Protein backbone atom coordinates (compact mmCIF):
# COMPACT_ATOMS: atom_id res chain seq x y z
CA UNK A 1 -7.10 -34.24 -11.75
CA UNK A 2 -7.42 -32.64 -15.39
CA UNK A 3 -4.22 -31.20 -15.25
CA UNK A 4 -4.21 -27.00 -16.37
CA UNK A 5 -3.42 -26.14 -19.87
CA UNK A 6 -3.22 -22.53 -19.65
CA UNK A 7 0.24 -20.76 -19.67
CA UNK A 8 1.65 -20.28 -16.03
CA UNK A 9 2.84 -16.42 -16.98
CA UNK A 10 -0.65 -15.51 -18.46
CA UNK A 11 -2.40 -17.06 -15.51
CA UNK A 12 -0.29 -14.62 -12.94
CA UNK A 13 -0.85 -12.04 -14.73
CA UNK A 14 -4.54 -12.43 -15.09
CA UNK A 15 -4.60 -12.82 -11.72
CA UNK A 16 -2.99 -9.68 -10.58
CA UNK A 17 -5.33 -7.74 -13.27
CA UNK A 18 -8.06 -9.10 -11.45
CA UNK A 19 -6.72 -8.12 -7.95
CA UNK A 20 -6.41 -4.82 -9.09
CA UNK A 21 -9.65 -4.69 -11.20
CA UNK A 22 -11.83 -5.92 -7.96
CA UNK A 23 -10.14 -2.76 -6.09
CA UNK A 24 -11.50 0.00 -8.45
CA UNK A 25 -13.35 2.88 -6.68
CA UNK A 26 -15.52 3.03 -9.99
CA UNK A 27 -16.81 -0.45 -9.06
CA UNK A 28 -17.38 -0.07 -5.29
CA UNK A 29 -17.79 3.54 -4.06
CA UNK A 30 -21.58 4.41 -4.84
CA UNK A 31 -23.05 1.88 -2.70
CA UNK A 32 -21.50 3.43 0.52
CA UNK A 33 -22.84 7.03 -0.35
CA UNK A 34 -25.52 8.73 2.33
CA UNK A 35 -28.65 10.81 0.87
CA UNK A 36 -27.06 14.28 0.25
CA UNK A 37 -27.00 16.76 3.94
CA UNK A 38 -29.11 19.40 4.53
CA UNK A 39 -26.15 21.77 4.43
CA UNK A 40 -23.08 21.68 2.67
CA UNK A 41 -21.05 18.89 0.92
CA UNK A 42 -17.72 18.85 1.24
CA UNK A 43 -15.11 16.59 -0.02
CA UNK A 44 -11.37 16.09 0.74
CA UNK A 45 -8.67 12.81 0.32
CA UNK A 46 -5.22 11.91 -0.29
CA UNK A 47 -3.75 9.36 -1.48
CA UNK A 48 -2.76 7.10 -4.95
CA UNK A 49 -6.09 6.46 -5.57
CA UNK A 50 -8.04 9.52 -4.22
CA UNK A 51 -8.34 11.12 -7.88
CA UNK A 52 -10.03 7.81 -8.92
CA UNK A 53 -12.01 7.80 -5.76
CA UNK A 54 -13.15 11.60 -6.46
CA UNK A 55 -14.37 10.67 -9.81
CA UNK A 56 -16.61 7.94 -9.15
CA UNK A 57 -17.73 10.07 -6.00
CA UNK A 58 -18.12 12.80 -8.82
CA UNK A 59 -20.46 10.27 -10.98
CA UNK A 60 -22.82 8.79 -8.46
CA UNK A 61 -23.24 12.07 -6.04
CA UNK A 62 -27.05 13.47 -6.99
CA UNK A 63 -26.19 16.80 -4.80
CA UNK A 64 -23.92 19.58 -4.95
CA UNK A 65 -20.57 19.12 -3.58
CA UNK A 66 -17.16 20.93 -3.76
CA UNK A 67 -13.79 19.78 -2.69
CA UNK A 68 -9.91 18.95 -2.84
CA UNK A 69 -7.91 15.60 -2.87
CA UNK A 70 -4.47 15.42 -3.42
CA UNK A 71 -2.85 12.40 -5.14
CA UNK A 72 0.37 11.30 -6.60
CA UNK A 73 2.12 12.62 -9.50
CA UNK A 74 1.16 10.97 -12.77
CA UNK A 75 -2.50 9.70 -11.13
CA UNK A 76 -4.50 12.55 -11.20
CA UNK A 77 -8.34 11.92 -13.13
CA UNK A 78 -10.42 14.40 -14.41
CA UNK A 79 -13.17 16.38 -11.96
CA UNK A 80 -15.31 18.83 -12.53
CA UNK A 81 -16.28 20.00 -9.35
CA UNK A 82 -13.34 17.95 -7.04
CA UNK A 83 -9.97 19.82 -7.33
CA UNK A 84 -7.53 17.47 -7.84
CA UNK A 85 -3.93 18.23 -6.64
CA UNK A 86 -0.62 16.15 -8.09
CA UNK A 87 2.01 16.16 -5.25
CA UNK A 88 5.44 14.05 -4.94
CA UNK A 89 5.34 10.50 -2.89
CA UNK A 90 6.92 8.40 -1.34
CA UNK A 91 9.46 11.73 -0.01
CA UNK A 92 6.99 14.78 0.14
CA UNK A 93 7.28 18.11 -1.40
CA UNK A 94 5.78 21.89 -1.43
CA UNK A 95 2.58 20.75 -3.46
CA UNK A 96 1.59 18.55 -0.58
CA UNK A 97 2.24 21.03 1.95
CA UNK A 98 0.11 23.47 0.26
CA UNK A 99 -2.47 20.84 -0.21
CA UNK A 100 -2.53 20.25 3.27
CA UNK A 101 -2.81 23.72 4.25
CA UNK A 102 -5.73 24.21 1.92
CA UNK A 103 -7.78 21.18 2.88
CA UNK A 104 -7.48 22.44 6.60
CA UNK A 105 -8.59 25.86 5.39
CA UNK A 106 -11.51 23.98 3.28
CA UNK A 107 -13.19 22.51 6.31
CA UNK A 108 -12.76 24.96 8.65
CA UNK A 109 -16.28 26.81 10.07
CA UNK A 110 -18.49 23.98 9.22
CA UNK A 111 -21.94 23.44 10.84
CA UNK A 112 -23.87 20.37 12.29
CA UNK A 113 -25.62 20.09 8.89
CA UNK A 114 -22.75 19.83 6.53
CA UNK A 115 -21.08 16.58 5.20
CA UNK A 116 -17.61 15.80 4.68
CA UNK A 117 -16.39 12.96 2.77
CA UNK A 118 -13.03 11.56 2.95
CA UNK A 119 -11.54 9.65 0.45
CA UNK A 120 -8.18 7.72 1.80
CA UNK A 121 -5.86 5.37 0.27
CA UNK A 122 -2.37 4.10 0.41
CA UNK A 123 -0.06 7.16 -0.07
CA UNK A 124 -1.54 9.71 1.59
CA UNK A 125 0.83 9.94 4.35
CA UNK A 126 3.33 11.34 2.40
CA UNK A 127 1.04 13.62 0.24
CA UNK A 128 -0.10 15.18 3.65
CA UNK A 129 3.24 16.40 5.03
CA UNK A 130 2.25 19.77 6.75
CA UNK A 131 4.31 19.19 10.10
CA UNK A 132 3.53 20.78 13.43
CA UNK A 133 4.65 23.85 14.12
CA UNK A 134 8.70 24.42 15.22
CA UNK A 135 8.84 21.09 12.57
CA UNK A 136 9.71 21.72 9.03
CA UNK A 137 9.26 20.09 5.49
CA UNK A 138 12.87 19.45 5.35
CA UNK A 139 12.70 17.88 8.91
CA UNK A 140 9.72 15.81 7.51
CA UNK A 141 11.58 14.75 4.46
CA UNK A 142 14.89 13.49 6.32
CA UNK A 143 12.60 11.44 9.08
CA UNK A 144 10.59 9.60 5.86
CA UNK A 145 14.04 8.88 3.98
CA UNK A 146 15.05 7.58 7.63
CA UNK A 147 11.95 5.50 8.18
CA UNK A 148 11.81 3.78 4.73
CA UNK A 149 15.32 2.44 4.79
CA UNK A 150 14.87 1.69 8.63
CA UNK A 151 12.91 -1.40 8.26
CA UNK A 152 10.23 -0.33 10.10
CA UNK A 153 6.60 -1.70 9.60
CA UNK A 154 4.47 0.39 7.74
CA UNK A 155 2.42 0.47 11.39
CA UNK A 156 5.46 1.78 12.95
CA UNK A 157 6.22 4.08 10.28
CA UNK A 158 3.10 5.74 10.31
CA UNK A 159 3.20 5.96 14.34
CA UNK A 160 6.20 8.37 13.65
CA UNK A 161 4.47 10.22 11.19
CA UNK A 162 1.32 10.94 12.58
CA UNK A 163 2.65 12.48 16.25
CA UNK A 164 5.17 14.86 13.79
CA UNK A 165 1.76 16.13 11.54
CA UNK A 166 -0.53 19.30 11.83
CA UNK A 167 -2.79 17.50 9.99
CA UNK A 168 -2.86 13.28 10.60
CA UNK A 169 -4.09 11.62 13.80
CA UNK A 170 -7.04 12.76 13.66
CA UNK A 171 -6.24 16.31 13.21
CA UNK A 172 -7.95 16.86 9.96
CA UNK A 173 -11.17 15.07 11.53
CA UNK A 174 -11.08 17.88 14.43
CA UNK A 175 -11.21 20.36 11.98
CA UNK A 176 -14.44 19.36 10.51
CA UNK A 177 -16.33 19.77 13.62
CA UNK A 178 -18.66 19.98 14.38
CA UNK A 179 -20.01 18.40 10.76
CA UNK A 180 -20.64 14.79 10.06
CA UNK A 181 -17.36 12.64 8.56
CA UNK A 182 -17.69 9.82 6.22
CA UNK A 183 -14.34 8.18 5.67
CA UNK A 184 -14.47 6.11 2.45
CA UNK A 185 -11.02 4.00 2.64
CA UNK A 186 -9.01 1.87 0.13
CA UNK A 187 -6.91 -0.39 2.69
CA UNK A 188 -2.96 -0.52 1.85
CA UNK A 189 -2.15 -2.06 5.17
CA UNK A 190 -2.00 -5.42 6.95
CA UNK A 191 -5.07 -5.96 9.34
CA UNK A 192 -6.91 -2.83 7.77
CA UNK A 193 -6.71 -0.37 10.78
CA UNK A 194 -8.00 2.99 9.64
CA UNK A 195 -5.08 4.85 11.58
CA UNK A 196 -2.61 3.27 9.26
CA UNK A 197 -4.19 4.20 6.09
CA UNK A 198 -2.62 7.74 5.46
CA UNK A 199 -1.23 8.06 8.98
CA UNK A 200 -5.33 8.26 9.75
CA UNK A 201 -6.14 12.07 9.20
CA UNK A 202 -9.81 11.67 10.10
CA UNK A 203 -9.34 8.73 12.68
CA UNK A 204 -8.90 9.20 16.06
CA UNK A 205 -5.36 7.65 17.31
CA UNK A 206 -4.62 4.96 19.79
CA UNK A 207 -0.90 5.42 19.77
CA UNK A 208 1.30 8.17 21.97
CA UNK A 209 4.34 9.47 21.73
CA UNK A 210 5.58 7.09 23.94
CA UNK A 211 5.53 4.37 21.49
CA UNK A 212 6.64 7.23 18.52
CA UNK A 213 9.68 7.15 20.64
CA UNK A 214 10.01 3.52 21.39
CA UNK A 215 10.01 2.73 17.70
CA UNK A 216 12.74 5.66 16.45
CA UNK A 217 14.80 3.84 19.62
CA UNK A 218 14.23 0.17 17.95
CA UNK A 219 15.25 1.20 14.80
CA UNK A 220 18.09 3.87 15.62
CA UNK A 221 16.50 6.57 13.65
CA UNK A 222 18.58 9.85 14.10
CA UNK A 223 15.97 12.87 14.45
CA UNK A 224 16.72 16.41 15.02
CA UNK A 225 16.68 17.76 18.12
CA UNK A 226 13.63 19.77 18.02
CA UNK A 227 11.92 16.90 16.36
CA UNK A 228 12.88 14.78 19.23
CA UNK A 229 12.07 17.55 21.98
CA UNK A 230 8.42 17.63 20.24
CA UNK A 231 7.66 13.56 20.76
CA UNK A 232 9.62 13.96 24.20
CA UNK A 233 7.19 16.86 25.71
CA UNK A 234 3.85 15.36 24.77
CA UNK A 235 3.51 18.87 22.46
CA UNK A 236 3.01 16.43 19.70
CA UNK A 237 0.20 13.72 20.89
CA UNK A 238 -2.74 13.12 18.57
CA UNK A 239 -6.15 13.10 19.42
CA UNK A 240 -7.40 10.21 21.13
CA UNK A 241 -10.80 8.10 20.98
CA UNK A 242 -13.74 10.15 22.80
CA UNK A 243 -11.93 13.28 22.26
CA UNK A 244 -14.66 15.86 22.39
CA UNK A 245 -12.98 17.88 19.55
CA UNK A 246 -13.98 15.18 17.02
CA UNK A 247 -16.96 15.08 14.88
CA UNK A 248 -19.38 12.46 14.44
CA UNK A 249 -17.21 9.66 12.39
CA UNK A 250 -18.39 6.82 10.41
CA UNK A 251 -15.68 4.62 8.46
CA UNK A 252 -16.41 2.29 5.52
CA UNK A 253 -13.66 0.20 3.28
CA UNK A 254 -14.58 0.19 -0.30
CA UNK A 255 -11.71 -2.17 -0.90
CA UNK A 256 -9.41 -4.07 0.85
CA UNK A 257 -6.63 -6.70 0.44
CA UNK A 258 -8.66 -9.45 1.34
CA UNK A 259 -11.46 -8.85 -1.86
CA UNK A 260 -8.44 -8.26 -4.40
CA UNK A 261 -7.34 -11.70 -3.39
CA UNK A 262 -10.92 -13.23 -3.85
CA UNK A 263 -11.10 -11.81 -7.27
CA UNK A 264 -7.56 -13.50 -8.09
CA UNK A 265 -8.50 -16.92 -6.47
CA UNK A 266 -11.72 -17.08 -8.78
CA UNK A 267 -9.33 -16.71 -11.67
CA UNK A 268 -7.01 -19.12 -10.64
CA UNK A 269 -10.31 -21.59 -9.60
CA UNK A 270 -11.57 -20.77 -13.24
CA UNK A 271 -8.35 -22.17 -14.59
CA UNK A 272 -8.60 -25.51 -13.22
CA UNK A 273 -6.11 -24.82 -10.27
CA UNK A 274 -6.66 -25.63 -6.40
CA UNK A 275 -6.35 -22.01 -4.70
CA UNK A 276 -4.87 -21.66 -1.14
CA UNK A 277 -4.83 -17.78 0.21
CA UNK A 278 -2.57 -17.90 2.56
CA UNK A 279 -2.97 -14.65 4.35
CA UNK A 280 -3.88 -10.75 3.69
CA UNK A 281 -1.39 -9.37 6.51
CA UNK A 282 1.99 -11.08 5.91
CA UNK A 283 4.90 -8.78 6.96
CA UNK A 284 8.23 -9.37 7.91
CA UNK A 285 11.61 -8.67 5.84
CA UNK A 286 10.93 -9.33 2.76
CA UNK A 287 13.60 -11.61 1.95
CA UNK A 288 12.93 -13.42 4.68
CA UNK A 289 9.21 -13.86 3.15
CA UNK A 290 10.75 -15.15 0.49
CA UNK A 291 12.89 -18.02 2.09
CA UNK A 292 9.24 -18.84 3.85
CA UNK A 293 6.96 -19.31 1.00
CA UNK A 294 9.88 -20.93 -1.31
CA UNK A 295 9.74 -23.44 1.67
CA UNK A 296 6.24 -23.93 1.38
CA UNK A 297 6.57 -24.22 -2.64
CA UNK A 298 9.05 -26.67 -2.44
CA UNK A 299 7.38 -28.97 0.20
CA UNK A 300 4.11 -28.79 -2.23
CA UNK A 301 6.04 -29.56 -5.26
CA UNK A 302 7.94 -32.36 -3.67
CA UNK A 303 5.66 -33.98 -0.77
CA UNK A 304 2.16 -32.84 -1.83
CA UNK A 305 2.51 -30.83 1.47
CA UNK A 306 0.84 -29.18 3.11
CA UNK A 307 -0.90 -28.60 -0.36
CA UNK A 308 -0.90 -30.92 -3.66
CA UNK A 309 0.13 -29.36 -7.34
CA UNK A 310 -1.36 -28.56 -9.15
CA UNK A 311 -2.28 -25.27 -6.84
CA UNK A 312 -2.04 -21.63 -6.52
CA UNK A 313 -0.88 -20.22 -3.29
CA UNK A 314 -1.78 -16.35 -3.08
CA UNK A 315 -0.74 -13.90 -0.23
CA UNK A 316 -0.67 -9.97 0.40
CA UNK A 317 -0.03 -7.78 3.22
CA UNK A 318 3.10 -5.45 3.21
CA UNK A 319 6.76 -6.69 4.04
CA UNK A 320 9.67 -4.29 4.87
CA UNK A 321 13.24 -4.10 2.95
CA UNK A 322 16.29 -2.62 5.32
CA UNK A 323 18.23 -1.06 2.89
CA UNK A 324 21.81 -1.84 2.85
CA UNK A 325 23.22 -1.78 -0.85
CA UNK A 326 23.17 0.90 -3.38
CA UNK A 327 20.46 -0.87 -6.10
CA UNK A 328 17.24 -0.06 -7.47
CA UNK A 329 14.85 -2.09 -5.65
CA UNK A 330 11.30 -2.44 -3.88
CA UNK A 331 9.91 -4.95 -1.55
CA UNK A 332 8.07 -6.91 -4.17
CA UNK A 333 11.43 -7.48 -6.22
CA UNK A 334 13.50 -8.29 -3.23
CA UNK A 335 10.78 -10.87 -2.24
CA UNK A 336 11.04 -12.05 -5.46
CA UNK A 337 15.09 -12.71 -5.73
CA UNK A 338 14.89 -14.38 -2.28
CA UNK A 339 12.33 -16.82 -3.14
CA UNK A 340 14.09 -17.78 -6.73
CA UNK A 341 16.69 -18.34 -4.53
CA UNK A 342 14.81 -20.65 -2.27
CA UNK A 343 13.59 -22.65 -5.32
CA UNK A 344 16.26 -23.42 -6.78
CA UNK A 345 14.85 -23.68 -10.26
CA UNK A 346 12.17 -25.85 -8.86
CA UNK A 347 10.02 -27.55 -12.05
CA UNK A 348 6.70 -25.96 -12.53
CA UNK A 349 6.90 -23.13 -9.80
CA UNK A 350 6.22 -19.79 -11.47
CA UNK A 351 5.57 -16.44 -8.91
CA UNK A 352 4.64 -13.14 -9.41
CA UNK A 353 4.57 -10.52 -6.88
CA UNK A 354 3.49 -6.70 -7.49
CA UNK A 355 2.27 -3.68 -5.61
CA UNK A 356 -1.13 -3.26 -6.84
CA UNK A 357 -0.41 0.81 -7.06
CA UNK A 358 1.87 -0.04 -9.99
CA UNK A 359 5.04 1.02 -8.09
CA UNK A 360 7.58 -0.85 -6.26
CA UNK A 361 9.30 1.27 -4.04
CA UNK A 362 10.28 4.47 -5.79
CA UNK A 363 10.02 2.67 -9.39
CA UNK A 364 7.39 2.86 -12.03
CA UNK A 365 7.26 -0.51 -12.04
CA UNK A 366 5.09 -2.82 -10.27
CA UNK A 367 6.90 -6.15 -9.45
CA UNK A 368 7.99 -8.98 -11.32
CA UNK A 369 7.56 -12.71 -12.17
CA UNK A 370 9.94 -15.82 -11.70
CA UNK A 371 9.85 -19.08 -13.15
CA UNK A 372 11.85 -22.30 -13.07
CA UNK A 373 14.73 -21.21 -15.54
CA UNK A 374 15.32 -17.36 -13.87
CA UNK A 375 18.46 -18.14 -12.14
CA UNK A 376 20.14 -20.29 -15.68
CA UNK A 377 18.81 -17.25 -17.21
CA UNK A 378 20.37 -14.74 -15.37
CA UNK A 379 23.84 -16.70 -14.77
CA UNK A 380 24.14 -16.56 -18.61
CA UNK A 381 23.23 -13.16 -18.77
CA UNK A 382 26.25 -12.72 -16.29
CA UNK A 383 24.08 -11.68 -13.69
CA UNK A 384 24.49 -12.97 -9.71
CA UNK A 385 20.98 -12.88 -8.15
CA UNK A 386 23.02 -13.15 -4.42
CA UNK A 387 24.96 -10.13 -5.11
CA UNK A 388 21.48 -8.46 -6.90
CA UNK A 389 19.78 -9.64 -3.69
CA UNK A 390 22.94 -8.20 -1.60
CA UNK A 391 22.93 -4.59 -2.84
CA UNK A 392 18.76 -4.46 -2.96
CA UNK A 393 18.79 -4.42 -6.84
CA UNK A 394 15.69 -6.30 -7.90
CA UNK A 395 14.59 -3.98 -10.13
CA UNK A 396 18.11 -3.87 -11.97
CA UNK A 397 18.08 -8.01 -11.67
CA UNK A 398 14.71 -8.61 -13.25
CA UNK A 399 14.81 -5.61 -16.21
CA UNK A 400 17.99 -7.13 -17.37
CA UNK A 401 15.90 -10.17 -18.03
CA UNK A 402 12.91 -9.15 -19.29
CA UNK A 403 10.82 -9.96 -16.33
CA UNK A 404 9.90 -6.57 -14.84
CA UNK A 405 5.90 -6.16 -14.29
CA UNK A 406 4.82 -2.57 -15.57
CA UNK A 407 1.49 -1.34 -15.38
CA UNK A 408 1.46 2.29 -15.13
CA UNK A 409 -1.01 4.06 -12.72
CA UNK A 410 -3.30 1.49 -11.21
CA UNK A 411 -5.69 4.27 -9.85
CA UNK A 412 -5.78 2.02 -6.68
CA UNK A 413 -3.80 0.70 -4.08
CA UNK A 414 -4.46 -2.43 -1.88
CA UNK A 415 -1.52 -3.35 -0.62
CA UNK A 416 1.44 -6.29 -2.31
CA UNK A 417 -0.05 -9.29 -4.43
CA UNK A 418 1.70 -12.48 -4.28
CA UNK A 419 1.06 -15.56 -6.33
CA UNK A 420 2.62 -18.88 -6.69
CA UNK A 421 1.54 -20.98 -9.38
CA UNK A 422 2.67 -24.76 -9.03
CA UNK A 423 1.57 -26.57 -12.31
CA UNK A 424 2.71 -30.39 -11.38
CA UNK A 425 4.74 -32.04 -8.74
CA UNK A 426 8.17 -32.09 -9.43
CA UNK A 427 8.12 -35.89 -9.77
CA UNK A 428 5.66 -36.05 -12.32
CA UNK A 429 8.53 -36.45 -15.02
CA UNK A 430 10.88 -38.34 -13.02
């Protein structure tokens, strides 16, 4: 087999960029649009990609429309007919609270002849923070911070969030009744379940208050007494499948992690590598996933099993981080620190991990890259990778090495992207 000649770091970044490009709303959204309705067309939405989705919709729509979407600060895209509001993520703020109220008002009083197009992407849970009656924004902020540090999966976090919300868990869809609702979604969740994208504001919710309480107990999350009371009483229950208050709902996925990985895989094949997609829905503690994928990469490098080098190992999904230290981190850099330690400077192995929205954790840093020299360079610079991992300080570690990956706002969000490149078997030079 001819050995690939492309620089592995160049290939890693090209694959990451291809994954992001494949999930751009401007490339995918128009094909899912229906003909204009007899009545009004109202556009609503939330998420890191919602403004880019709104711009793509405006460019393709041939009838009148109006609307409101809320996106993360710095992620706005100019629109002429759809109002774009920016708010805080991942901890919500007053701007998101106000936008949530206005969105409910915008869809009130519609008729069967009207159409609501809902543009939802990852990040919408924090951007639509309107709480149930008796629960405050401060309560929601406290809950969100606790969930982010708990190690709960994204599905578990969203179960709790939507049961404390006046707009999620199908409640926004109910406000649209009896209009038609078209959901156009960009998936940032393992398994592409619409209830977990922005905590499902416009789809029914099969989970219950009892499920949310079980998650709170499982992760020892300290909730204010009145918040617990809302869950225990059932007053926080969401709308279930078959609820007569829900309108006619059609849901379409315009971008998913699987499609992004397919685009990256083609880049790897074009560069001469065998490409293996390990999965688009890998979950678990980031450092544990790093150990597992490190073990697979070592076996491939040293034994040619289960894959033979040269090859690329791709994966997606959303890992979690149980925060124990006081460093600056995110799940992708946490994964990479663990992976580097597991690989033990294995020759010919390079990797990248990044969030496709450009933000890993709460930093404007998408992720980082590692190579066979990462640990040696760290030690020479006075950095201890084990200490950095214990402190959840992945961003501090990779910034100090100059290995952080910064994309800026990508205007999409199809979850985490991970690629490991094995340029040759480790015995090739022995």
